[in-house]
């Protein structure tokens, strides 16, 4: 894996934090896609609203899988962390 990560592991919990402009761009694009999807499904008539909600949830799930795939490729392997430890790697851990 490359030493220039777009994301680093969070100090508390499980997951990543964007640390480069590329990482922030990916997170911003994800948010734009999710909000744009919500706005697109907002105009649905009441008769098909429950169907549209299902499609929207599937849409968000697919976008989230894409986001996680990018973070797995452009960040270190995730692990549970609870605070700073002496063995932390500053290139991988926030």
Foldseek 3Di string as FASTA:
>chain_A
DDLQFQWAAEQAFKDTDGDDPVVVVLVVVLVVQLVVLCVVLVPDDPVCNVVSVVVSVVSNVVSVVVNVVSNPVRAPDIDHHHHDDPPDDVSHHD
